[in-house]
Structure formats: structure tokens, C-alpha cells
Amino acid sequence: MRSEPLSLTARGEGEKGARRRTSPVLAVVALASVLALTATGCGSGESDANAQASASAGSEGDGKITIPDDIRDRLKEHGIDVDQWKNGAWRNWDRDDWLREAQDYINPIIEGLWDPDRMREAEDPDRGVQESDLSGDQGVTDPEPAPVDAKPVSPTYHDNVPEAGKVFFDSPEGTMVCSATVVEDPAHPGKSDMVWTAGHCVHAGKSGGWYRNTAFVPSYNDQALSGAELGSATEKDVAPYGVWWADWAQTSDQWIAQGGPTGGDGAPYDFAVIHVTREEGGSGKSLEETVGSALPVNFAAPAVPQVESITAGGYPAAAPFDGETLYQCQDRPGRLSINASDPTMYRIGCTMTGGSSGGGWVATGADGRPALVSNTSIGPVNAGWLAGPRLGEVAKGVYDSVSEKFADQS
């Protein structure tokens, strides 16, 4: 794993002062293809030139899987040829060919791409910011919190934090990794296929477009095997509940328009929801049924001074961590204002580094139930604290849109 400082990306939600006018119905992702591209030789994750394309829509008598014409045509509308894509065209990150707009999202499945070796090679996408990048802060910012040492979660992770996992994806810089959380789906109680993460884990923001080959692995490295042990680990050891590919992703319009790798640009809106489907098909069980749990999302969490404690989790990958172990930090949050016109963010003391981005922040609500209230977004170059967006109307718009898109899906 590359040692990379934690990135400061989009955060929180505004409290007082001028507020940017935004629509709660944001970033609708218009092209969701359940197309499967079978890779026969993965190795480092590269697809084999002779890999055969397949789709969930049926097969001919000779066993060859055919791609429905309507799906192929929709892909071509975005300049994507299925056969070229599976043979490596997805590695073309030319600006003109990098889909950027909310409605452009597409993520064809490449079966077997995310094997244990390729997962271990994934790096965190974060880039650090110097403290001077925050010198223009306005609004309410509390004193910097004291560092809180991240504590490893006891295995098995599924028994202790069953909703946690890792998101893997490809970017122009290579294979990347973030953290994520299984969340409830209002349209499918008890049968959610929705995952919460950071916006910068699915989209590059103002300088780029949608990342590719996005997949979620719940309870990654469930037994907390060491790096040396993972060298000979099986796929079951690494991904005990399978690999789940994004067939839909949505982030805020603000992140797409403003998000940047340093300085906190777009950070108050740095959240995303992914809808997933199991790579290999199978039982028909949802993600929530498979892992046995999903967290509710609280879009009306109390103001920072009224929050007694928040627990942030994730798989930190930058030194001194290696990205293979699940950690948590617990602290009482303070406030961080990047811009007076944007929402104020939660900030806690925590020594987790890059790779923990997107990991869920959990607080106990008035009903006594734990709920997701934020996600890891930014932190300083030298670690010590993390900040995450305070979820409100914009975040709820993203969440509801994904749920509603799949509401008729049985």
C-alpha cells in the first residue's frame, strides 16, 4: 500500500449565515446496467483479452451469453463499446471520454476483477492538505481536538460491526480503496442493497468524473488476518460475504461541481450512496439479508454541542496502518466550518489516516438506536483528527433518490 496522507474533501452542512440554495433532489444517475463482463485472467486485476462478455438477460443455445440490444445501445450512447470495455477500454481516462455528469454513471460488472491480490494492492485515494489550506475558514470552528488513538475492532468484524466494509474502485492513478457502511433502504425494509460512503470515493469532483469498477466488500478480512497471512488467503477469507458491484451511484451536485483533492473544497457535501448487486448472482438475498444488519441514517441529528459521542470506523491505509484492519475512534465532536455559506462539519480527534474515508460515523439517537450521522471526509496531512459532513436535506435527497430508483425492484 502506498503511504498517502489523508485527503481533505467535501464536508458537512451549514448552520447560520448565508446558505447556498440547493435542490434536495440531486445527482440522479441515469444509466444503471446490470451487465456482467467475465474476466478469465485477473492476476493484478487486468482483464484477459479473451474474456467473454456476459449479461443477466439470457443466453443462446450454444451457451454463449448475449447482450440485449437495448443495453448495448444505451452503452453506446455514452461512447462505450462493451467488447472494448471488457478488454481494457475502461483504462482510458482521457478527459473527453471520462463520464462526469450525474446522469452518466455506469459500472458494468467485470467478474473476478477484484480478487484478493488486487484488493490488497488498492491504495487510498486521499491527498493531504496543509493547515494553511483552512486559513479562510469562516463561521463556527471549535478548537482543534486532541488526537484519539484509533483502536482495532476485535474479529470477527461481522460479529462486532456487521455493516462495515471496503469500497474498491479504479481511478486514473490506479486501484483505490475507501470504507463504507450498509444502510437501510426505506423502500425495502430488511432487504437493503444500499451502501453509504464519501462522495470522493465515487467521483473525482470538479477535476474529473465517475470512478470505475466500483465494488463493495462487507466485513473485509473478517478474521483480521495479518498482511503476511493475507498473502496466502482465499477469497472467502478476504470477502466472506462476497463482492457486491455498484449498479448505481449518486453523490451531491455540490461535490461534482466543487469537490477537490485539497483544501476542503466541496467537503460539506462529500457523501454518496451506492446501490449494489452481488457479482455472481446466487441466492437472491439482499445485502442486508446477507450480512444480517443495516444502519438507519439520521438526517436530523442534533447540533454538534448536543452530541455526546460519535464513533467513526474504517480501514485506514496510509502509514502507520496498512488498510487490512478495521479500526474505530470514539470522541465527542466539535465544529469545523470550511466556509460560512456551507454547513458546519462534525470534527473528532482520531489518528486514522487515508483509506478510512467514507467510513460511517455512528451516534445513538433519542430512541436509543445507533444511526449513521456522517462519514469520514477530511483530515490534516499529519492525521490527529477527522471531519465529516453533518447530514441534512441535501444528503436526504441523495439517499431518497437512490431508494426510490429501485423501489419497484423485487
Protein backbone atom coordinates (compact mmCIF):
# COMPACT_ATOMS: atom_id res chain seq x y z
CA MET A 1 0.00 0.00 0.00
CA ARG A 2 1.15 3.48 -0.79
CA SER A 3 1.65 5.74 2.21
CA GLU A 4 -0.66 8.61 1.39
CA PRO A 5 -1.82 11.39 3.74
CA LEU A 6 -5.49 11.77 4.44
CA SER A 7 -7.41 13.83 1.93
CA LEU A 8 -9.50 16.82 2.79
CA THR A 9 -12.58 16.60 0.65
CA ALA A 10 -16.25 17.51 0.98
CA ARG A 11 -17.92 18.01 4.37
CA GLY A 12 -20.91 18.91 6.46
CA GLU A 13 -23.94 21.11 6.45
CA GLY A 14 -24.42 24.80 7.24
CA GLU A 15 -25.93 26.32 10.30
CA LYS A 16 -26.02 30.15 10.34
CA GLY A 17 -25.36 32.85 7.81
CA ALA A 18 -25.87 32.80 4.06
CA ARG A 19 -26.72 29.35 2.74
CA ARG A 20 -26.28 28.12 -0.79
CA ARG A 21 -29.65 27.40 -2.40
CA THR A 22 -29.75 23.75 -3.32
CA SER A 23 -32.25 21.22 -4.51
CA PRO A 24 -32.73 18.14 -2.35
CA VAL A 25 -33.25 16.01 -5.45
CA LEU A 26 -29.66 15.76 -6.58
CA ALA A 27 -27.29 13.96 -8.88
CA VAL A 28 -29.66 11.48 -10.45
CA VAL A 29 -27.66 8.69 -12.04
CA ALA A 30 -29.41 7.76 -15.25
CA LEU A 31 -27.75 4.64 -16.63
CA ALA A 32 -27.71 1.54 -14.44
CA SER A 33 -26.80 -1.56 -16.40
CA VAL A 34 -26.72 -4.96 -14.76
CA LEU A 35 -24.23 -6.02 -17.40
CA ALA A 36 -21.65 -8.62 -16.41
CA LEU A 37 -18.28 -8.83 -18.13
CA THR A 38 -16.43 -12.04 -17.27
CA ALA A 39 -12.69 -11.72 -16.80
CA THR A 40 -10.89 -15.04 -17.20
CA GLY A 41 -7.43 -13.92 -16.13
CA CYS A 42 -7.26 -11.34 -13.35
CA GLY A 43 -3.87 -11.53 -11.69
CA SER A 44 -3.26 -7.91 -10.77
CA GLY A 45 -6.80 -7.11 -11.79
CA GLU A 46 -6.27 -6.70 -15.53
CA SER A 47 -8.96 -8.36 -17.62
CA ASP A 48 -7.93 -11.01 -20.13
CA ALA A 49 -8.12 -10.06 -23.80
CA ASN A 50 -10.11 -13.18 -24.50
CA ALA A 51 -12.62 -12.66 -21.71
CA GLN A 52 -16.17 -13.26 -22.85
CA ALA A 53 -18.89 -10.73 -22.28
CA SER A 54 -21.98 -11.90 -20.49
CA ALA A 55 -25.19 -10.36 -19.26
CA SER A 56 -28.05 -11.27 -16.99
CA ALA A 57 -30.52 -11.20 -19.88
CA GLY A 58 -30.33 -14.70 -21.28
CA SER A 59 -28.25 -16.99 -23.50
CA GLU A 60 -28.31 -18.70 -26.83
CA GLY A 61 -28.50 -22.43 -27.34
CA ASP A 62 -24.71 -22.80 -27.58
CA GLY A 63 -24.32 -21.37 -24.10
CA LYS A 64 -22.96 -18.03 -25.30
CA ILE A 65 -24.35 -15.17 -23.24
CA THR A 66 -25.81 -12.38 -25.34
CA ILE A 67 -26.10 -8.71 -24.51
CA PRO A 68 -29.58 -7.27 -25.13
CA ASP A 69 -29.59 -4.72 -27.93
CA ASP A 70 -31.21 -2.07 -25.74
CA ILE A 71 -28.42 -2.30 -23.14
CA ARG A 72 -25.73 -2.26 -25.82
CA ASP A 73 -27.36 0.79 -27.42
CA ARG A 74 -27.55 2.63 -24.09
CA LEU A 75 -23.87 1.97 -23.52
CA LYS A 76 -23.04 3.25 -26.98
CA GLU A 77 -24.91 6.45 -26.19
CA HIS A 78 -22.09 7.08 -23.74
CA GLY A 79 -19.42 6.11 -26.24
CA ILE A 80 -18.84 2.73 -24.60
CA ASP A 81 -18.38 -0.42 -26.66
CA VAL A 82 -18.99 -3.43 -24.45
CA ASP A 83 -16.34 -5.64 -26.00
CA GLN A 84 -13.72 -2.91 -25.92
CA TRP A 85 -14.63 -2.06 -22.31
CA LYS A 86 -14.13 -5.62 -21.08
CA ASN A 87 -10.84 -5.83 -22.98
CA GLY A 88 -9.42 -2.84 -21.15
CA ALA A 89 -11.04 0.28 -22.62
CA TRP A 90 -12.10 1.23 -19.09
CA ARG A 91 -8.46 2.24 -18.54
CA ASN A 92 -8.89 5.18 -20.90
CA TRP A 93 -9.13 8.24 -18.67
CA ASP A 94 -8.96 10.88 -21.39
CA ARG A 95 -10.92 13.91 -20.28
CA ASP A 96 -13.29 13.70 -23.23
CA ASP A 97 -14.05 10.05 -22.51
CA TRP A 98 -14.32 10.25 -18.71
CA LEU A 99 -18.03 10.34 -17.88
CA ARG A 100 -18.64 13.16 -15.45
CA GLU A 101 -22.25 14.29 -15.20
CA ALA A 102 -24.65 12.82 -12.66
CA GLN A 103 -26.72 11.09 -15.32
CA ASP A 104 -23.66 9.48 -16.94
CA TYR A 105 -22.85 6.90 -14.26
CA ILE A 106 -22.30 3.35 -15.49
CA ASN A 107 -20.41 0.47 -13.90
CA PRO A 108 -20.51 -2.81 -15.86
CA ILE A 109 -19.53 -5.83 -13.76
CA ILE A 110 -16.23 -7.49 -14.61
CA GLU A 111 -16.46 -10.83 -12.84
CA GLY A 112 -13.36 -11.82 -10.91
CA LEU A 113 -11.65 -8.44 -11.32
CA TRP A 114 -11.48 -7.79 -7.58
CA ASP A 115 -9.55 -10.86 -6.49
CA PRO A 116 -7.68 -10.91 -3.12
CA ASP A 117 -4.38 -9.77 -4.66
CA ARG A 118 -5.93 -6.79 -6.43
CA MET A 119 -7.81 -5.80 -3.27
CA ARG A 120 -4.56 -5.76 -1.28
CA GLU A 121 -2.86 -3.62 -3.91
CA ALA A 122 -5.56 -0.94 -3.75
CA GLU A 123 -4.41 2.41 -2.37
CA ASP A 124 -6.29 5.14 -0.58
CA PRO A 125 -7.43 7.96 -2.90
CA ASP A 126 -6.73 10.74 -0.43
CA ARG A 127 -4.38 13.66 -0.75
CA GLY A 128 -3.40 15.64 2.29
CA VAL A 129 -3.93 19.31 2.91
CA GLN A 130 -1.77 21.67 4.84
CA GLU A 131 -3.32 23.55 7.73
CA SER A 132 -2.87 26.75 5.74
CA ASP A 133 -5.48 25.48 3.30
CA LEU A 134 -8.08 26.11 6.01
CA SER A 135 -6.95 29.65 6.77
CA GLY A 136 -10.04 31.16 5.13
CA ASP A 137 -12.49 29.37 7.42
CA GLN A 138 -15.50 31.40 8.44
CA GLY A 139 -18.37 30.58 10.73
CA VAL A 140 -18.13 28.43 13.82
CA THR A 141 -14.98 26.39 14.32
CA ASP A 142 -14.09 24.91 17.70
CA PRO A 143 -10.51 24.41 18.90
CA GLU A 144 -8.70 21.51 17.27
CA PRO A 145 -9.45 18.31 19.21
CA ALA A 146 -6.78 16.27 20.90
CA PRO A 147 -5.81 13.16 18.93
CA VAL A 148 -7.67 9.98 19.87
CA ASP A 149 -5.83 6.75 19.16
CA ALA A 150 -7.70 4.52 16.74
CA LYS A 151 -8.48 1.12 18.26
CA PRO A 152 -8.61 -2.10 16.24
CA VAL A 153 -12.02 -3.77 16.13
CA SER A 154 -11.96 -7.30 17.52
CA PRO A 155 -12.64 -10.06 15.00
CA THR A 156 -14.82 -11.25 13.67
CA TYR A 157 -15.80 -7.89 12.24
CA HIS A 158 -19.15 -9.32 11.21
CA ASP A 159 -20.00 -10.06 14.83
CA ASN A 160 -18.99 -6.60 16.05
CA VAL A 161 -19.62 -4.18 13.15
CA PRO A 162 -21.55 -6.19 10.55
CA GLU A 163 -22.44 -3.14 8.46
CA ALA A 164 -18.81 -2.11 7.80
CA GLY A 165 -16.79 -2.89 4.71
CA LYS A 166 -14.49 -1.58 1.99
CA VAL A 167 -15.19 0.03 -1.39
CA PHE A 168 -12.77 -0.73 -4.21
CA PHE A 169 -12.58 1.21 -7.47
CA ASP A 170 -10.29 2.23 -10.30
CA SER A 171 -9.13 5.80 -10.91
CA PRO A 172 -6.59 7.35 -13.29
CA GLU A 173 -3.99 6.86 -10.53
CA GLY A 174 -4.70 3.13 -10.21
CA THR A 175 -6.66 0.81 -7.92
CA MET A 176 -8.14 2.64 -4.94
CA VAL A 177 -9.96 1.85 -1.71
CA CYS A 178 -12.31 3.56 0.75
CA SER A 179 -14.50 2.46 3.65
CA ALA A 180 -18.31 2.23 3.64
CA THR A 181 -21.40 1.20 5.61
CA VAL A 182 -24.52 -0.82 4.80
CA VAL A 183 -27.56 1.41 5.42
CA GLU A 184 -31.29 0.78 5.50
CA ASP A 185 -33.47 1.21 2.40
CA PRO A 186 -36.89 2.76 3.13
CA ALA A 187 -38.33 1.09 0.03
CA HIS A 188 -37.15 -2.39 1.06
CA PRO A 189 -37.25 -2.76 4.86
CA GLY A 190 -34.93 -5.55 5.97
CA LYS A 191 -33.73 -6.08 2.40
CA SER A 192 -31.44 -3.16 1.65
CA ASP A 193 -28.83 -3.12 -1.11
CA MET A 194 -27.66 0.40 -0.23
CA VAL A 195 -24.20 1.44 0.94
CA TRP A 196 -23.08 4.82 2.32
CA THR A 197 -19.63 6.27 1.61
CA ALA A 198 -17.89 9.55 0.75
CA GLY A 199 -18.50 11.42 -2.49
CA HIS A 200 -14.78 11.43 -3.27
CA CYS A 201 -14.87 7.63 -3.24
CA VAL A 202 -17.17 7.52 -6.29
CA HIS A 203 -16.49 10.77 -8.19
CA ALA A 204 -13.37 12.92 -8.66
CA GLY A 205 -15.27 16.19 -8.23
CA LYS A 206 -14.69 19.30 -10.31
CA SER A 207 -11.48 17.96 -11.87
CA GLY A 208 -12.83 14.66 -13.20
CA GLY A 209 -15.70 12.22 -13.35
CA TRP A 210 -17.07 8.91 -12.10
CA TYR A 211 -14.62 6.27 -10.95
CA ARG A 212 -14.89 2.80 -12.47
CA ASN A 213 -15.19 -0.85 -11.45
CA THR A 214 -16.69 0.15 -8.10
CA ALA A 215 -17.38 -2.76 -5.76
CA PHE A 216 -18.20 -3.19 -2.05
CA VAL A 217 -16.82 -5.98 0.16
CA PRO A 218 -18.68 -6.27 3.51
CA SER A 219 -16.67 -7.48 6.51
CA TYR A 220 -13.43 -7.33 4.52
CA ASN A 221 -10.76 -9.53 6.17
CA ASP A 222 -13.33 -10.63 8.75
CA GLN A 223 -10.80 -12.64 10.77
CA ALA A 224 -8.30 -9.74 10.98
CA LEU A 225 -5.57 -11.72 9.25
CA SER A 226 -2.17 -10.03 9.15
CA GLY A 227 -0.69 -8.72 5.93
CA ALA A 228 1.59 -11.75 5.74
CA GLU A 229 -1.34 -14.13 6.27
CA LEU A 230 -3.38 -12.35 3.63
CA GLY A 231 -0.69 -13.20 1.09
CA SER A 232 -2.00 -16.76 1.02
CA ALA A 233 -5.61 -16.01 1.96
CA THR A 234 -8.53 -17.34 -0.02
CA GLU A 235 -11.28 -15.15 -1.47
CA LYS A 236 -13.53 -16.42 1.32
CA ASP A 237 -11.05 -15.12 3.90
CA VAL A 238 -10.95 -11.69 2.29
CA ALA A 239 -14.56 -11.40 1.15
CA PRO A 240 -16.62 -13.74 3.36
CA TYR A 241 -19.94 -12.29 2.15
CA GLY A 242 -18.95 -11.89 -1.47
CA VAL A 243 -18.17 -8.99 -3.77
CA TRP A 244 -21.04 -6.57 -4.49
CA TRP A 245 -20.81 -4.32 -7.55
CA ALA A 246 -22.35 -0.88 -7.76
CA ASP A 247 -25.17 -0.83 -10.30
CA TRP A 248 -26.00 2.75 -9.30
CA ALA A 249 -24.16 5.56 -7.52
CA GLN A 250 -25.18 9.04 -6.52
CA THR A 251 -23.45 11.95 -4.86
CA SER A 252 -24.36 15.59 -4.38
CA ASP A 253 -24.37 18.10 -7.20
CA GLN A 254 -22.19 20.24 -4.95
CA TRP A 255 -19.48 17.60 -4.77
CA ILE A 256 -19.49 17.12 -8.55
CA ALA A 257 -19.25 20.87 -9.12
CA GLN A 258 -16.90 21.85 -6.28
CA GLY A 259 -15.09 18.80 -4.94
CA GLY A 260 -11.31 18.97 -4.91
CA PRO A 261 -8.38 16.90 -3.64
CA THR A 262 -7.08 19.51 -1.16
CA GLY A 263 -8.24 22.38 0.95
CA GLY A 264 -11.66 21.04 1.76
CA ASP A 265 -13.35 22.13 -1.49
CA GLY A 266 -16.87 20.66 -1.56
CA ALA A 267 -16.26 18.86 1.73
CA PRO A 268 -19.57 19.75 3.44
CA TYR A 269 -21.30 17.74 0.69
CA ASP A 270 -18.83 14.85 0.48
CA PHE A 271 -21.23 11.91 0.77
CA ALA A 272 -22.54 9.27 -1.61
CA VAL A 273 -24.96 6.34 -1.75
CA ILE A 274 -24.21 3.22 -3.78
CA HIS A 275 -26.77 0.61 -4.79
CA VAL A 276 -25.17 -2.81 -5.19
CA THR A 277 -25.80 -6.21 -6.71
CA ARG A 278 -23.94 -9.44 -5.98
CA GLU A 279 -21.20 -10.13 -8.52
CA GLU A 280 -22.00 -13.78 -9.04
CA GLY A 281 -25.78 -13.57 -8.69
CA GLY A 282 -26.74 -16.51 -6.49
CA SER A 283 -29.25 -16.77 -3.67
CA GLY A 284 -31.25 -13.66 -4.46
CA LYS A 285 -30.77 -12.40 -0.91
CA SER A 286 -30.19 -8.70 -0.46
CA LEU A 287 -27.00 -7.27 1.01
CA GLU A 288 -28.76 -6.56 4.31
CA GLU A 289 -30.12 -10.12 4.49
CA THR A 290 -26.68 -11.48 3.67
CA VAL A 291 -24.81 -9.57 6.38
CA GLY A 292 -27.76 -9.51 8.77
CA SER A 293 -27.74 -5.80 9.54
CA ALA A 294 -28.05 -2.25 8.17
CA LEU A 295 -27.91 1.11 9.92
CA PRO A 296 -30.63 3.75 9.76
CA VAL A 297 -29.47 7.20 8.63
CA ASN A 298 -30.29 10.20 10.82
CA PHE A 299 -30.78 13.34 8.73
CA ALA A 300 -31.93 15.32 11.75
CA ALA A 301 -29.07 14.66 14.14
CA PRO A 302 -28.76 17.32 16.85
CA ALA A 303 -26.39 20.24 16.56
CA VAL A 304 -22.81 19.46 17.47
CA PRO A 305 -22.95 20.72 21.09
CA GLN A 306 -25.80 18.30 21.83
CA VAL A 307 -23.95 15.20 20.54
CA GLU A 308 -22.32 13.36 23.43
CA SER A 309 -20.28 10.88 21.42
CA ILE A 310 -19.61 9.71 17.86
CA THR A 311 -17.86 6.51 16.82
CA ALA A 312 -16.10 6.59 13.46
CA GLY A 313 -14.98 3.38 11.77
CA GLY A 314 -12.90 2.49 8.76
CA TYR A 315 -9.93 0.71 7.24
CA PRO A 316 -7.07 3.26 7.39
CA ALA A 317 -4.50 2.51 4.69
CA ALA A 318 -1.85 5.23 4.95
CA ALA A 319 1.06 4.77 7.35
CA PRO A 320 1.25 3.64 10.07
CA PHE A 321 -1.72 1.49 9.02
CA ASP A 322 -1.87 -1.00 6.16
CA GLY A 323 -5.55 -0.93 5.15
CA GLU A 324 -6.23 -4.53 6.12
CA THR A 325 -7.63 -3.97 9.61
CA LEU A 326 -10.85 -2.33 10.78
CA TYR A 327 -10.41 0.47 13.34
CA GLN A 328 -12.65 2.81 15.33
CA CYS A 329 -12.31 6.14 17.12
CA GLN A 330 -14.77 7.46 19.70
CA ASP A 331 -14.90 11.12 20.70
CA ARG A 332 -17.23 13.99 21.47
CA PRO A 333 -17.45 16.07 18.27
CA GLY A 334 -16.59 19.71 17.78
CA ARG A 335 -17.40 22.01 14.87
CA LEU A 336 -15.39 22.76 11.74
CA SER A 337 -16.53 25.45 9.31
CA ILE A 338 -14.85 25.42 5.91
CA ASN A 339 -16.97 28.25 4.54
CA ALA A 340 -19.66 30.28 6.29
CA SER A 341 -22.09 29.68 3.43
CA ASP A 342 -21.74 25.89 3.74
CA PRO A 343 -22.89 23.55 6.50
CA THR A 344 -20.64 23.21 9.52
CA MET A 345 -18.99 19.82 9.83
CA TYR A 346 -18.51 17.41 12.71
CA ARG A 347 -14.88 17.05 13.81
CA ILE A 348 -13.39 14.47 16.18
CA GLY A 349 -9.95 13.55 17.42
CA CYS A 350 -8.77 10.42 15.59
CA THR A 351 -5.47 9.05 14.31
CA MET A 352 -6.98 7.12 11.37
CA THR A 353 -5.48 8.01 8.00
CA GLY A 354 -6.41 7.76 4.31
CA GLY A 355 -8.43 4.68 3.40
CA SER A 356 -10.80 5.37 6.27
CA SER A 357 -12.56 7.89 4.01
CA GLY A 358 -16.23 7.10 3.61
CA GLY A 359 -16.39 5.08 6.82
CA GLY A 360 -19.56 5.55 8.85
CA TRP A 361 -19.91 7.85 11.85
CA VAL A 362 -22.42 6.42 14.31
CA ALA A 363 -24.26 8.10 17.18
CA THR A 364 -27.07 6.93 19.44
CA GLY A 365 -30.33 8.69 18.74
CA ALA A 366 -33.10 9.78 21.10
CA ASP A 367 -34.72 6.39 20.54
CA GLY A 368 -31.62 4.63 21.85
CA ARG A 369 -30.78 3.15 18.44
CA PRO A 370 -27.42 3.65 16.75
CA ALA A 371 -27.69 5.53 13.46
CA LEU A 372 -25.30 6.80 10.82
CA VAL A 373 -24.91 10.59 11.16
CA SER A 374 -21.86 11.26 8.98
CA ASN A 375 -18.90 9.74 7.13
CA THR A 376 -15.19 10.36 7.17
CA SER A 377 -14.30 13.05 4.66
CA ILE A 378 -11.16 15.03 5.53
CA GLY A 379 -8.26 15.33 7.92
CA PRO A 380 -4.87 17.06 8.12
CA VAL A 381 -1.70 15.78 6.48
CA ASN A 382 -0.26 14.62 9.79
CA ALA A 383 -3.53 12.99 10.97
CA GLY A 384 -4.82 13.60 14.51
CA TRP A 385 -8.40 14.50 13.64
CA LEU A 386 -11.14 13.72 11.13
CA ALA A 387 -14.10 15.74 9.89
CA GLY A 388 -17.34 14.62 8.29
CA PRO A 389 -20.46 16.29 6.87
CA ARG A 390 -23.48 16.81 9.07
CA LEU A 391 -26.25 15.18 7.07
CA GLY A 392 -29.32 17.22 6.19
CA GLU A 393 -31.69 17.99 3.33
CA VAL A 394 -29.16 17.56 0.51
CA ALA A 395 -27.94 14.22 1.87
CA LYS A 396 -31.51 13.03 2.33
CA GLY A 397 -32.24 13.95 -1.28
CA VAL A 398 -29.40 11.75 -2.48
CA TYR A 399 -30.47 8.89 -0.21
CA ASP A 400 -34.15 9.08 -1.14
CA SER A 401 -33.40 9.25 -4.85
CA VAL A 402 -31.42 6.01 -4.79
CA SER A 403 -34.09 4.28 -2.72
CA GLU A 404 -36.87 5.47 -4.99
CA LYS A 405 -35.00 4.45 -8.14
CA PHE A 406 -35.11 0.81 -7.03
CA ALA A 407 -38.43 0.93 -5.19
CA ASP A 408 -40.18 -1.31 -7.76
CA GLN A 409 -37.37 -3.85 -7.77
CA SER A 410 -38.44 -7.07 -6.04
